[in-house]
Amino acid sequence: GVHQLVATYQEAAENLYAGSPRKTRYSVKWKSSEGKLVLKITDDVTCLKFKTHSSIYLGRFEALNRSLIQKMVNSRPPPVVAPAPSVTLSGPAGSNLPGTPTPVAGGGVKKKKGKKK
């Protein structure tokens, strides 16, 4: 829903992020044609918005950004499981085993065409 108070929006936004940090997205939009700042945070289940025309809220907006960014930066990614080492078969020098790719010569950089006059 759309919140009317920055304090309630900040609390709801931080709680939403804490509930599902991997799914939560946060966006900030400035609609210059309307002179409106729109903050939106969603986890695809709940969507919270805050809209304002007032520049008075910029300090609180900055505090909310710092708080959310701090939480996002400090979150640790899940441990990465290392893939099993791959086994490569090699035959005598200069021979290719069936199923192994043959090296291709070349790999140079293509020349760009000049501009038409």
PDB file of N, CA and C in Angstrom:
ATOM      1  N   GLY A   1       0.800  -1.178   0.000  1.00  0.00           N
ATOM      2  CA  GLY A   1       0.000   0.000   0.000  1.00  0.00           C
ATOM      3  C   GLY A   1       0.856   1.259   0.000  1.00  0.00           C
ATOM      4  N   VAL A   2       0.222   2.380  -0.193  1.00  0.00           N
ATOM      5  CA  VAL A   2       0.919   3.665  -0.188  1.00  0.00           C
ATOM      6  C   VAL A   2       0.914   4.207   1.242  1.00  0.00           C
ATOM      7  N   HIS A   3       2.094   4.511   1.749  1.00  0.00           N
ATOM      8  CA  HIS A   3       2.231   5.039   3.111  1.00  0.00           C
ATOM      9  C   HIS A   3       2.208   6.555   3.082  1.00  0.00           C
ATOM     10  N   GLN A   4       1.645   7.138   4.136  1.00  0.00           N
ATOM     11  CA  GLN A   4       1.553   8.589   4.239  1.00  0.00           C
ATOM     12  C   GLN A   4       2.693   9.177   5.067  1.00  0.00           C
ATOM     13  N   LEU A   5       3.272   8.386   5.986  1.00  0.00           N
ATOM     14  CA  LEU A   5       4.336   8.862   6.860  1.00  0.00           C
ATOM     15  C   LEU A   5       5.647   8.159   6.547  1.00  0.00           C
ATOM     16  N   VAL A   6       6.729   8.928   6.500  1.00  0.00           N
ATOM     17  CA  VAL A   6       8.040   8.363   6.196  1.00  0.00           C
ATOM     18  C   VAL A   6       8.441   7.352   7.262  1.00  0.00           C
ATOM     19  N   ALA A   7       8.186   7.646   8.521  1.00  0.00           N
ATOM     20  CA  ALA A   7       8.598   6.755   9.612  1.00  0.00           C
ATOM     21  C   ALA A   7       7.931   5.387   9.494  1.00  0.00           C
ATOM     22  N   THR A   8       6.635   5.350   9.192  1.00  0.00           N
ATOM     23  CA  THR A   8       5.960   4.060   9.058  1.00  0.00           C
ATOM     24  C   THR A   8       6.432   3.334   7.809  1.00  0.00           C
ATOM     25  N   TYR A   9       6.710   4.095   6.733  1.00  0.00           N
ATOM     26  CA  TYR A   9       7.225   3.479   5.505  1.00  0.00           C
ATOM     27  C   TYR A   9       8.596   2.872   5.755  1.00  0.00           C
ATOM     28  N   GLN A  10       9.467   3.606   6.445  1.00  0.00           N
ATOM     29  CA  GLN A  10      10.813   3.104   6.707  1.00  0.00           C
ATOM     30  C   GLN A  10      10.758   1.817   7.522  1.00  0.00           C
ATOM     31  N   GLU A  11       9.947   1.798   8.559  1.00  0.00           N
ATOM     32  CA  GLU A  11       9.832   0.608   9.393  1.00  0.00           C
ATOM     33  C   GLU A  11       9.280  -0.574   8.585  1.00  0.00           C
ATOM     34  N   ALA A  12       8.239  -0.336   7.796  1.00  0.00           N
ATOM     35  CA  ALA A  12       7.640  -1.398   6.986  1.00  0.00           C
ATOM     36  C   ALA A  12       8.625  -1.894   5.926  1.00  0.00           C
ATOM     37  N   ALA A  13       9.382  -0.965   5.309  1.00  0.00           N
ATOM     38  CA  ALA A  13      10.351  -1.336   4.278  1.00  0.00           C
ATOM     39  C   ALA A  13      11.473  -2.191   4.864  1.00  0.00           C
ATOM     40  N   GLU A  14      11.991  -1.800   6.019  1.00  0.00           N
ATOM     41  CA  GLU A  14      13.068  -2.572   6.650  1.00  0.00           C
ATOM     42  C   GLU A  14      12.568  -3.949   7.087  1.00  0.00           C
ATOM     43  N   ASN A  15      11.333  -4.031   7.575  1.00  0.00           N
ATOM     44  CA  ASN A  15      10.762  -5.325   7.952  1.00  0.00           C
ATOM     45  C   ASN A  15      10.555  -6.214   6.730  1.00  0.00           C
ATOM     46  N   LEU A  16      10.106  -5.626   5.634  1.00  0.00           N
ATOM     47  CA  LEU A  16       9.921  -6.391   4.403  1.00  0.00           C
ATOM     48  C   LEU A  16      11.253  -6.937   3.914  1.00  0.00           C
ATOM     49  N   TYR A  17      12.283  -6.100   3.934  1.00  0.00           N
ATOM     50  CA  TYR A  17      13.611  -6.554   3.511  1.00  0.00           C
ATOM     51  C   TYR A  17      14.138  -7.650   4.433  1.00  0.00           C
ATOM     52  N   ALA A  18      13.956  -7.486   5.743  1.00  0.00           N
ATOM     53  CA  ALA A  18      14.444  -8.476   6.703  1.00  0.00           C
ATOM     54  C   ALA A  18      13.741  -9.824   6.507  1.00  0.00           C
ATOM     55  N   GLY A  19      12.485  -9.802   6.076  1.00  0.00           N
ATOM     56  CA  GLY A  19      11.731 -11.032   5.875  1.00  0.00           C
ATOM     57  C   GLY A  19      12.178 -11.837   4.675  1.00  0.00           C
ATOM     58  N   SER A  20      12.620 -11.181   3.617  1.00  0.00           N
ATOM     59  CA  SER A  20      13.068 -11.901   2.413  1.00  0.00           C
ATOM     60  C   SER A  20      14.125 -11.084   1.671  1.00  0.00           C
ATOM     61  N   PRO A  21      15.352 -11.045   2.206  1.00  0.00           N
ATOM     62  CA  PRO A  21      16.390 -10.194   1.608  1.00  0.00           C
ATOM     63  C   PRO A  21      16.806 -10.596   0.193  1.00  0.00           C
ATOM     64  N   ARG A  22      16.677 -11.857  -0.161  1.00  0.00           N
ATOM     65  CA  ARG A  22      17.096 -12.298  -1.498  1.00  0.00           C
ATOM     66  C   ARG A  22      16.108 -11.901  -2.590  1.00  0.00           C
ATOM     67  N   LYS A  23      14.845 -11.726  -2.222  1.00  0.00           N
ATOM     68  CA  LYS A  23      13.819 -11.415  -3.218  1.00  0.00           C
ATOM     69  C   LYS A  23      13.460  -9.938  -3.285  1.00  0.00           C
ATOM     70  N   THR A  24      13.820  -9.180  -2.267  1.00  0.00           N
ATOM     71  CA  THR A  24      13.361  -7.796  -2.160  1.00  0.00           C
ATOM     72  C   THR A  24      14.103  -6.872  -3.114  1.00  0.00           C
ATOM     73  N   ARG A  25      13.335  -6.031  -3.805  1.00  0.00           N
ATOM     74  CA  ARG A  25      13.892  -5.020  -4.704  1.00  0.00           C
ATOM     75  C   ARG A  25      13.411  -3.652  -4.230  1.00  0.00           C
ATOM     76  N   TYR A  26      14.282  -2.667  -4.381  1.00  0.00           N
ATOM     77  CA  TYR A  26      13.990  -1.315  -3.913  1.00  0.00           C
ATOM     78  C   TYR A  26      14.251  -0.358  -5.063  1.00  0.00           C
ATOM     79  N   SER A  27      13.302   0.512  -5.349  1.00  0.00           N
ATOM     80  CA  SER A  27      13.525   1.470  -6.432  1.00  0.00           C
ATOM     81  C   SER A  27      13.138   2.876  -5.982  1.00  0.00           C
ATOM     82  N   VAL A  28      13.811   3.829  -6.592  1.00  0.00           N
ATOM     83  CA  VAL A  28      13.564   5.248  -6.336  1.00  0.00           C
ATOM     84  C   VAL A  28      13.333   5.901  -7.690  1.00  0.00           C
ATOM     85  N   LYS A  29      12.229   6.617  -7.810  1.00  0.00           N
ATOM     86  CA  LYS A  29      11.930   7.303  -9.072  1.00  0.00           C
ATOM     87  C   LYS A  29      11.633   8.765  -8.793  1.00  0.00           C
ATOM     88  N   TRP A  30      12.135   9.615  -9.650  1.00  0.00           N
ATOM     89  CA  TRP A  30      11.810  11.034  -9.599  1.00  0.00           C
ATOM     90  C   TRP A  30      11.010  11.343 -10.852  1.00  0.00           C
ATOM     91  N   LYS A  31       9.776  11.734 -10.682  1.00  0.00           N
ATOM     92  CA  LYS A  31       8.924  12.100 -11.807  1.00  0.00           C
ATOM     93  C   LYS A  31       8.961  13.616 -11.934  1.00  0.00           C
ATOM     94  N   SER A  32       9.847  14.092 -12.796  1.00  0.00           N
ATOM     95  CA  SER A  32      10.055  15.540 -12.901  1.00  0.00           C
ATOM     96  C   SER A  32       8.822  16.265 -13.436  1.00  0.00           C
ATOM     97  N   SER A  33       8.053  15.605 -14.291  1.00  0.00           N
ATOM     98  CA  SER A  33       6.864  16.260 -14.841  1.00  0.00           C
ATOM     99  C   SER A  33       5.835  16.564 -13.753  1.00  0.00           C
ATOM    100  N   GLU A  34       5.832  15.698 -12.697  1.00  0.00           N
ATOM    101  CA  GLU A  34       4.890  15.901 -11.605  1.00  0.00           C
ATOM    102  C   GLU A  34       5.557  16.488 -10.362  1.00  0.00           C
ATOM    103  N   GLY A  35       6.897  16.532 -10.364  1.00  0.00           N
ATOM    104  CA  GLY A  35       7.625  16.995  -9.189  1.00  0.00           C
ATOM    105  C   GLY A  35       7.415  16.054  -8.012  1.00  0.00           C
ATOM    106  N   LYS A  36       7.422  14.753  -8.307  1.00  0.00           N
ATOM    107  CA  LYS A  36       7.080  13.764  -7.295  1.00  0.00           C
ATOM    108  C   LYS A  36       8.213  12.740  -7.140  1.00  0.00           C
ATOM    109  N   LEU A  37       8.511  12.415  -5.884  1.00  0.00           N
ATOM    110  CA  LEU A  37       9.473  11.371  -5.553  1.00  0.00           C
ATOM    111  C   LEU A  37       8.677  10.131  -5.162  1.00  0.00           C
ATOM    112  N   VAL A  38       9.004   8.979  -5.773  1.00  0.00           N
ATOM    113  CA  VAL A  38       8.298   7.731  -5.483  1.00  0.00           C
ATOM    114  C   VAL A  38       9.313   6.686  -5.038  1.00  0.00           C
ATOM    115  N   LEU A  39       9.119   6.172  -3.822  1.00  0.00           N
ATOM    116  CA  LEU A  39       9.942   5.085  -3.299  1.00  0.00           C
ATOM    117  C   LEU A  39       9.103   3.820  -3.352  1.00  0.00           C
ATOM    118  N   LYS A  40       9.691   2.732  -3.798  1.00  0.00           N
ATOM    119  CA  LYS A  40       8.946   1.480  -3.914  1.00  0.00           C
ATOM    120  C   LYS A  40       9.846   0.333  -3.481  1.00  0.00           C
ATOM    121  N   ILE A  41       9.311  -0.564  -2.654  1.00  0.00           N
ATOM    122  CA  ILE A  41      10.034  -1.757  -2.247  1.00  0.00           C
ATOM    123  C   ILE A  41       9.067  -2.926  -2.349  1.00  0.00           C
ATOM    124  N   THR A  42       9.524  -4.034  -2.932  1.00  0.00           N
ATOM    125  CA  THR A  42       8.658  -5.184  -3.125  1.00  0.00           C
ATOM    126  C   THR A  42       9.438  -6.486  -2.996  1.00  0.00           C
ATOM    127  N   ASP A  43       8.733  -7.521  -2.558  1.00  0.00           N
ATOM    128  CA  ASP A  43       9.301  -8.869  -2.542  1.00  0.00           C
ATOM    129  C   ASP A  43       8.451  -9.785  -3.418  1.00  0.00           C
ATOM    130  N   ASP A  44       7.708  -9.224  -4.353  1.00  0.00           N
ATOM    131  CA  ASP A  44       6.799  -9.893  -5.276  1.00  0.00           C
ATOM    132  C   ASP A  44       5.519 -10.387  -4.608  1.00  0.00           C
ATOM    133  N   VAL A  45       5.406 -10.264  -3.292  1.00  0.00           N
ATOM    134  CA  VAL A  45       4.177 -10.595  -2.585  1.00  0.00           C
ATOM    135  C   VAL A  45       3.555  -9.309  -2.058  1.00  0.00           C
ATOM    136  N   THR A  46       4.396  -8.483  -1.434  1.00  0.00           N
ATOM    137  CA  THR A  46       3.965  -7.219  -0.858  1.00  0.00           C
ATOM    138  C   THR A  46       4.676  -6.081  -1.583  1.00  0.00           C
ATOM    139  N   CYS A  47       3.959  -5.029  -1.868  1.00  0.00           N
ATOM    140  CA  CYS A  47       4.549  -3.856  -2.512  1.00  0.00           C
ATOM    141  C   CYS A  47       4.225  -2.634  -1.659  1.00  0.00           C
ATOM    142  N   LEU A  48       5.261  -1.939  -1.209  1.00  0.00           N
ATOM    143  CA  LEU A  48       5.083  -0.744  -0.382  1.00  0.00           C
ATOM    144  C   LEU A  48       5.561   0.467  -1.172  1.00  0.00           C
ATOM    145  N   LYS A  49       4.775   1.544  -1.136  1.00  0.00           N
ATOM    146  CA  LYS A  49       5.136   2.770  -1.856  1.00  0.00           C
ATOM    147  C   LYS A  49       5.034   3.966  -0.926  1.00  0.00           C
ATOM    148  N   PHE A  50       5.873   4.951  -1.220  1.00  0.00           N
ATOM    149  CA  PHE A  50       5.795   6.245  -0.552  1.00  0.00           C
ATOM    150  C   PHE A  50       5.947   7.302  -1.636  1.00  0.00           C
ATOM    151  N   LYS A  51       4.999   8.209  -1.706  1.00  0.00           N
ATOM    152  CA  LYS A  51       5.027   9.277  -2.707  1.00  0.00           C
ATOM    153  C   LYS A  51       4.994  10.618  -1.999  1.00  0.00           C
ATOM    154  N   THR A  52       5.800  11.562  -2.491  1.00  0.00           N
ATOM    155  CA  THR A  52       5.793  12.903  -1.893  1.00  0.00           C
ATOM    156  C   THR A  52       6.158  13.959  -2.927  1.00  0.00           C
ATOM    157  N   HIS A  53       5.631  15.151  -2.720  1.00  0.00           N
ATOM    158  CA  HIS A  53       5.985  16.335  -3.503  1.00  0.00           C
ATOM    159  C   HIS A  53       6.902  17.241  -2.688  1.00  0.00           C
ATOM    160  N   SER A  54       7.048  16.949  -1.412  1.00  0.00           N
ATOM    161  CA  SER A  54       7.754  17.832  -0.494  1.00  0.00           C
ATOM    162  C   SER A  54       9.245  17.523  -0.408  1.00  0.00           C
ATOM    163  N   SER A  55      10.069  18.556  -0.457  1.00  0.00           N
ATOM    164  CA  SER A  55      11.515  18.387  -0.315  1.00  0.00           C
ATOM    165  C   SER A  55      11.917  18.231   1.152  1.00  0.00           C
ATOM    166  N   ILE A  56      10.982  18.428   2.059  1.00  0.00           N
ATOM    167  CA  ILE A  56      11.260  18.277   3.491  1.00  0.00           C
ATOM    168  C   ILE A  56      11.669  16.842   3.812  1.00  0.00           C
ATOM    169  N   TYR A  57      11.150  15.886   3.052  1.00  0.00           N
ATOM    170  CA  TYR A  57      11.409  14.471   3.328  1.00  0.00           C
ATOM    171  C   TYR A  57      12.763  13.982   2.817  1.00  0.00           C
ATOM    172  N   LEU A  58      13.528  14.839   2.128  1.00  0.00           N
ATOM    173  CA  LEU A  58      14.795  14.379   1.555  1.00  0.00           C
ATOM    174  C   LEU A  58      15.775  13.864   2.608  1.00  0.00           C
ATOM    175  N   GLY A  59      15.847  14.492   3.766  1.00  0.00           N
ATOM    176  CA  GLY A  59      16.732  14.023   4.837  1.00  0.00           C
ATOM    177  C   GLY A  59      16.339  12.640   5.332  1.00  0.00           C
ATOM    178  N   ARG A  60      15.049  12.435   5.503  1.00  0.00           N
ATOM    179  CA  ARG A  60      14.570  11.126   5.949  1.00  0.00           C
ATOM    180  C   ARG A  60      14.743  10.083   4.846  1.00  0.00           C
ATOM    181  N   PHE A  61      14.536  10.494   3.603  1.00  0.00           N
ATOM    182  CA  PHE A  61      14.747   9.610   2.468  1.00  0.00           C
ATOM    183  C   PHE A  61      16.206   9.148   2.418  1.00  0.00           C
ATOM    184  N   GLU A  62      17.122  10.077   2.655  1.00  0.00           N
ATOM    185  CA  GLU A  62      18.541   9.751   2.673  1.00  0.00           C
ATOM    186  C   GLU A  62      18.857   8.770   3.803  1.00  0.00           C
ATOM    187  N   ALA A  63      18.263   8.958   4.973  1.00  0.00           N
ATOM    188  CA  ALA A  63      18.469   8.045   6.105  1.00  0.00           C
ATOM    189  C   ALA A  63      17.934   6.647   5.775  1.00  0.00           C
ATOM    190  N   LEU A  64      16.785   6.582   5.119  1.00  0.00           N
ATOM    191  CA  LEU A  64      16.222   5.288   4.714  1.00  0.00           C
ATOM    192  C   LEU A  64      17.138   4.605   3.712  1.00  0.00           C
ATOM    193  N   ASN A  65      17.622   5.353   2.723  1.00  0.00           N
ATOM    194  CA  ASN A  65      18.548   4.779   1.738  1.00  0.00           C
ATOM    195  C   ASN A  65      19.792   4.220   2.415  1.00  0.00           C
ATOM    196  N   ARG A  66      20.399   5.012   3.315  1.00  0.00           N
ATOM    197  CA  ARG A  66      21.600   4.543   4.020  1.00  0.00           C
ATOM    198  C   ARG A  66      21.310   3.264   4.793  1.00  0.00           C
ATOM    199  N   SER A  67      20.178   3.229   5.475  1.00  0.00           N
ATOM    200  CA  SER A  67      19.815   2.069   6.276  1.00  0.00           C
ATOM    201  C   SER A  67      19.626   0.828   5.408  1.00  0.00           C
ATOM    202  N   LEU A  68      18.879   0.958   4.312  1.00  0.00           N
ATOM    203  CA  LEU A  68      18.651  -0.191   3.439  1.00  0.00           C
ATOM    204  C   LEU A  68      19.926  -0.640   2.737  1.00  0.00           C
ATOM    205  N   ILE A  69      20.718   0.300   2.278  1.00  0.00           N
ATOM    206  CA  ILE A  69      21.972  -0.059   1.610  1.00  0.00           C
ATOM    207  C   ILE A  69      22.904  -0.763   2.581  1.00  0.00           C
ATOM    208  N   GLN A  70      22.973  -0.283   3.821  1.00  0.00           N
ATOM    209  CA  GLN A  70      23.811  -0.931   4.836  1.00  0.00           C
ATOM    210  C   GLN A  70      23.378  -2.382   5.038  1.00  0.00           C
ATOM    211  N   LYS A  71      22.080  -2.608   5.118  1.00  0.00           N
ATOM    212  CA  LYS A  71      21.565  -3.972   5.287  1.00  0.00           C
ATOM    213  C   LYS A  71      21.894  -4.827   4.066  1.00  0.00           C
ATOM    214  N   MET A  72      21.746  -4.249   2.879  1.00  0.00           N
ATOM    215  CA  MET A  72      22.001  -5.002   1.645  1.00  0.00           C
ATOM    216  C   MET A  72      23.478  -5.328   1.481  1.00  0.00           C
ATOM    217  N   VAL A  73      24.342  -4.411   1.838  1.00  0.00           N
ATOM    218  CA  VAL A  73      25.782  -4.625   1.693  1.00  0.00           C
ATOM    219  C   VAL A  73      26.292  -5.639   2.712  1.00  0.00           C
ATOM    220  N   ASN A  74      25.745  -5.602   3.910  1.00  0.00           N
ATOM    221  CA  ASN A  74      26.211  -6.514   4.951  1.00  0.00           C
ATOM    222  C   ASN A  74      25.651  -7.914   4.828  1.00  0.00           C
ATOM    223  N   SER A  75      24.648  -8.124   3.961  1.00  0.00           N
ATOM    224  CA  SER A  75      24.105  -9.477   3.817  1.00  0.00           C
ATOM    225  C   SER A  75      25.124 -10.341   3.098  1.00  0.00           C
ATOM    226  N   ARG A  76      25.272 -11.532   3.574  1.00  0.00           N
ATOM    227  CA  ARG A  76      26.249 -12.461   3.012  1.00  0.00           C
ATOM    228  C   ARG A  76      25.563 -13.361   1.987  1.00  0.00           C
ATOM    229  N   PRO A  77      26.215 -13.574   0.831  1.00  0.00           N
ATOM    230  CA  PRO A  77      25.636 -14.485  -0.160  1.00  0.00           C
ATOM    231  C   PRO A  77      25.747 -15.927   0.338  1.00  0.00           C
ATOM    232  N   PRO A  78      24.891 -16.821  -0.160  1.00  0.00           N
ATOM    233  CA  PRO A  78      24.984 -18.208   0.265  1.00  0.00           C
ATOM    234  C   PRO A  78      26.315 -18.802  -0.173  1.00  0.00           C
ATOM    235  N   PRO A  79      26.851 -19.786   0.584  1.00  0.00           N
ATOM    236  CA  PRO A  79      28.135 -20.368   0.204  1.00  0.00           C
ATOM    237  C   PRO A  79      28.051 -21.023  -1.164  1.00  0.00           C
ATOM    238  N   VAL A  80      29.099 -20.836  -1.939  1.00  0.00           N
ATOM    239  CA  VAL A  80      29.145 -21.398  -3.285  1.00  0.00           C
ATOM    240  C   VAL A  80      29.768 -22.782  -3.188  1.00  0.00           C
ATOM    241  N   VAL A  81      29.070 -23.752  -3.737  1.00  0.00           N
ATOM    242  CA  VAL A  81      29.586 -25.116  -3.747  1.00  0.00           C
ATOM    243  C   VAL A  81      30.483 -25.239  -4.963  1.00  0.00           C
ATOM    244  N   ALA A  82      31.738 -25.623  -4.713  1.00  0.00           N
ATOM    245  CA  ALA A  82      32.702 -25.746  -5.802  1.00  0.00           C
ATOM    246  C   ALA A  82      32.331 -26.930  -6.687  1.00  0.00           C
ATOM    247  N   PRO A  83      32.369 -26.761  -8.011  1.00  0.00           N
ATOM    248  CA  PRO A  83      32.059 -27.872  -8.900  1.00  0.00           C
ATOM    249  C   PRO A  83      33.146 -28.939  -8.808  1.00  0.00           C
ATOM    250  N   ALA A  84      32.764 -30.164  -9.084  1.00  0.00           N
ATOM    251  CA  ALA A  84      33.727 -31.267  -9.056  1.00  0.00           C
ATOM    252  C   ALA A  84      34.774 -31.016 -10.134  1.00  0.00           C
ATOM    253  N   PRO A  85      36.029 -31.346  -9.854  1.00  0.00           N
ATOM    254  CA  PRO A  85      37.068 -31.111 -10.867  1.00  0.00           C
ATOM    255  C   PRO A  85      36.780 -31.936 -12.110  1.00  0.00           C
ATOM    256  N   SER A  86      36.977 -31.311 -13.264  1.00  0.00           N
ATOM    257  CA  SER A  86      36.732 -32.037 -14.509  1.00  0.00           C
ATOM    258  C   SER A  86      37.979 -32.821 -14.893  1.00  0.00           C
ATOM    259  N   VAL A  87      37.764 -33.974 -15.475  1.00  0.00           N
ATOM    260  CA  VAL A  87      38.864 -34.840 -15.891  1.00  0.00           C
ATOM    261  C   VAL A  87      39.043 -34.642 -17.376  1.00  0.00           C
ATOM    262  N   THR A  88      40.264 -34.317 -17.789  1.00  0.00           N
ATOM    263  CA  THR A  88      40.539 -34.155 -19.205  1.00  0.00           C
ATOM    264  C   THR A  88      41.456 -35.270 -19.655  1.00  0.00           C
ATOM    265  N   LEU A  89      41.147 -35.825 -20.781  1.00  0.00           N
ATOM    266  CA  LEU A  89      41.967 -36.891 -21.340  1.00  0.00           C
ATOM    267  C   LEU A  89      42.814 -36.293 -22.436  1.00  0.00           C
ATOM    268  N   SER A  90      44.052 -36.664 -22.479  1.00  0.00           N
ATOM    269  CA  SER A  90      44.903 -36.188 -23.553  1.00  0.00           C
ATOM    270  C   SER A  90      45.687 -37.361 -24.114  1.00  0.00           C
ATOM    271  N   GLY A  91      45.787 -37.373 -25.403  1.00  0.00           N
ATOM    272  CA  GLY A  91      46.528 -38.442 -26.079  1.00  0.00           C
ATOM    273  C   GLY A  91      47.921 -37.949 -26.406  1.00  0.00           C
ATOM    274  N   PRO A  92      48.617 -38.663 -27.259  1.00  0.00           N
ATOM    275  CA  PRO A  92      49.953 -38.221 -27.675  1.00  0.00           C
ATOM    276  C   PRO A  92      49.884 -36.847 -28.326  1.00  0.00           C
ATOM    277  N   ALA A  93      50.975 -36.126 -28.262  1.00  0.00           N
ATOM    278  CA  ALA A  93      51.028 -34.764 -28.803  1.00  0.00           C
ATOM    279  C   ALA A  93      50.607 -34.754 -30.262  1.00  0.00           C
ATOM    280  N   GLY A  94      49.736 -33.812 -30.614  1.00  0.00           N
ATOM    281  CA  GLY A  94      49.314 -33.668 -32.003  1.00  0.00           C
ATOM    282  C   GLY A  94      48.119 -34.531 -32.359  1.00  0.00           C
ATOM    283  N   SER A  95      47.628 -35.376 -31.469  1.00  0.00           N
ATOM    284  CA  SER A  95      46.476 -36.207 -31.818  1.00  0.00           C
ATOM    285  C   SER A  95      45.250 -35.704 -31.077  1.00  0.00           C
ATOM    286  N   ASN A  96      44.107 -35.876 -31.686  1.00  0.00           N
ATOM    287  CA  ASN A  96      42.855 -35.508 -31.059  1.00  0.00           C
ATOM    288  C   ASN A  96      42.061 -36.759 -30.754  1.00  0.00           C
ATOM    289  N   LEU A  97      41.525 -36.824 -29.548  1.00  0.00           N
ATOM    290  CA  LEU A  97      40.678 -37.944 -29.186  1.00  0.00           C
ATOM    291  C   LEU A  97      39.288 -37.692 -29.736  1.00  0.00           C
ATOM    292  N   PRO A  98      38.529 -38.759 -30.021  1.00  0.00           N
ATOM    293  CA  PRO A  98      37.156 -38.553 -30.507  1.00  0.00           C
ATOM    294  C   PRO A  98      36.341 -37.786 -29.464  1.00  0.00           C
ATOM    295  N   GLY A  99      35.545 -36.837 -29.931  1.00  0.00           N
ATOM    296  CA  GLY A  99      34.681 -36.080 -29.030  1.00  0.00           C
ATOM    297  C   GLY A  99      35.332 -34.837 -28.459  1.00  0.00           C
ATOM    298  N   THR A 100      36.633 -34.642 -28.666  1.00  0.00           N
ATOM    299  CA  THR A 100      37.279 -33.433 -28.170  1.00  0.00           C
ATOM    300  C   THR A 100      37.306 -32.409 -29.290  1.00  0.00           C
ATOM    301  N   PRO A 101      37.068 -31.167 -28.966  1.00  0.00           N
ATOM    302  CA  PRO A 101      37.041 -30.146 -30.022  1.00  0.00           C
ATOM    303  C   PRO A 101      38.420 -29.912 -30.621  1.00  0.00           C
ATOM    304  N   THR A 102      38.425 -29.632 -31.898  1.00  0.00           N
ATOM    305  CA  THR A 102      39.665 -29.342 -32.602  1.00  0.00           C
ATOM    306  C   THR A 102      39.924 -27.850 -32.499  1.00  0.00           C
ATOM    307  N   PRO A 103      41.140 -27.459 -32.104  1.00  0.00           N
ATOM    308  CA  PRO A 103      41.431 -26.029 -32.010  1.00  0.00           C
ATOM    309  C   PRO A 103      41.276 -25.353 -33.370  1.00  0.00           C
ATOM    310  N   VAL A 104      40.742 -24.146 -33.365  1.00  0.00           N
ATOM    311  CA  VAL A 104      40.516 -23.410 -34.598  1.00  0.00           C
ATOM    312  C   VAL A 104      41.519 -22.265 -34.662  1.00  0.00           C
ATOM    313  N   ALA A 105      42.177 -22.137 -35.798  1.00  0.00           N
ATOM    314  CA  ALA A 105      43.148 -21.057 -35.971  1.00  0.00           C
ATOM    315  C   ALA A 105      42.408 -19.749 -36.216  1.00  0.00           C
ATOM    316  N   GLY A 106      43.091 -18.664 -36.011  1.00  0.00           N
ATOM    317  CA  GLY A 106      42.475 -17.360 -36.266  1.00  0.00           C
ATOM    318  C   GLY A 106      42.197 -16.660 -34.951  1.00  0.00           C
ATOM    319  N   GLY A 107      41.001 -16.179 -34.792  1.00  0.00           N
ATOM    320  CA  GLY A 107      40.616 -15.486 -33.568  1.00  0.00           C
ATOM    321  C   GLY A 107      41.079 -14.041 -33.546  1.00  0.00           C
ATOM    322  N   GLY A 108      41.395 -13.493 -34.715  1.00  0.00           N
ATOM    323  CA  GLY A 108      41.843 -12.106 -34.781  1.00  0.00           C
ATOM    324  C   GLY A 108      40.687 -11.146 -34.624  1.00  0.00           C
ATOM    325  N   VAL A 109      40.993  -9.868 -34.640  1.00  0.00           N
ATOM    326  CA  VAL A 109      39.985  -8.832 -34.494  1.00  0.00           C
ATOM    327  C   VAL A 109      39.520  -8.416 -35.880  1.00  0.00           C
ATOM    328  N   LYS A 110      38.194  -8.319 -36.051  1.00  0.00           N
ATOM    329  CA  LYS A 110      37.648  -7.893 -37.334  1.00  0.00           C
ATOM    330  C   LYS A 110      37.881  -6.402 -37.507  1.00  0.00           C
ATOM    331  N   LYS A 111      38.184  -6.021 -38.746  1.00  0.00           N
ATOM    332  CA  LYS A 111      38.358  -4.602 -39.038  1.00  0.00           C
ATOM    333  C   LYS A 111      36.999  -3.961 -39.218  1.00  0.00           C
ATOM    334  N   LYS A 112      36.864  -2.753 -38.688  1.00  0.00           N
ATOM    335  CA  LYS A 112      35.615  -2.018 -38.843  1.00  0.00           C
ATOM    336  C   LYS A 112      35.592  -1.345 -40.209  1.00  0.00           C
ATOM    337  N   LYS A 113      34.421  -1.313 -40.805  1.00  0.00           N
ATOM    338  CA  LYS A 113      34.284  -0.631 -42.089  1.00  0.00           C
ATOM    339  C   LYS A 113      34.297   0.872 -41.866  1.00  0.00           C
ATOM    340  N   GLY A 114      34.843   1.593 -42.803  1.00  0.00           N
ATOM    341  CA  GLY A 114      34.873   3.045 -42.701  1.00  0.00           C
ATOM    342  C   GLY A 114      33.484   3.638 -42.912  1.00  0.00           C
ATOM    343  N   LYS A 115      33.304   4.861 -42.495  1.00  0.00           N
ATOM    344  CA  LYS A 115      32.021   5.531 -42.677  1.00  0.00           C
ATOM    345  C   LYS A 115      31.823   5.892 -44.131  1.00  0.00           C
ATOM    346  N   LYS A 116      30.575   5.770 -44.572  1.00  0.00           N
ATOM    347  CA  LYS A 116      30.259   6.159 -45.952  1.00  0.00           C
ATOM    348  C   LYS A 116      30.245   7.666 -46.063  1.00  0.00           C
ATOM    349  N   LYS A 117      30.713   8.153 -47.199  1.00  0.00           N
ATOM    350  CA  LYS A 117      30.755   9.613 -47.397  1.00  0.00           C
ATOM    351  C   LYS A 117      29.603  10.054 -48.243  1.00  0.00           C
TER     352      LYS A 117
END
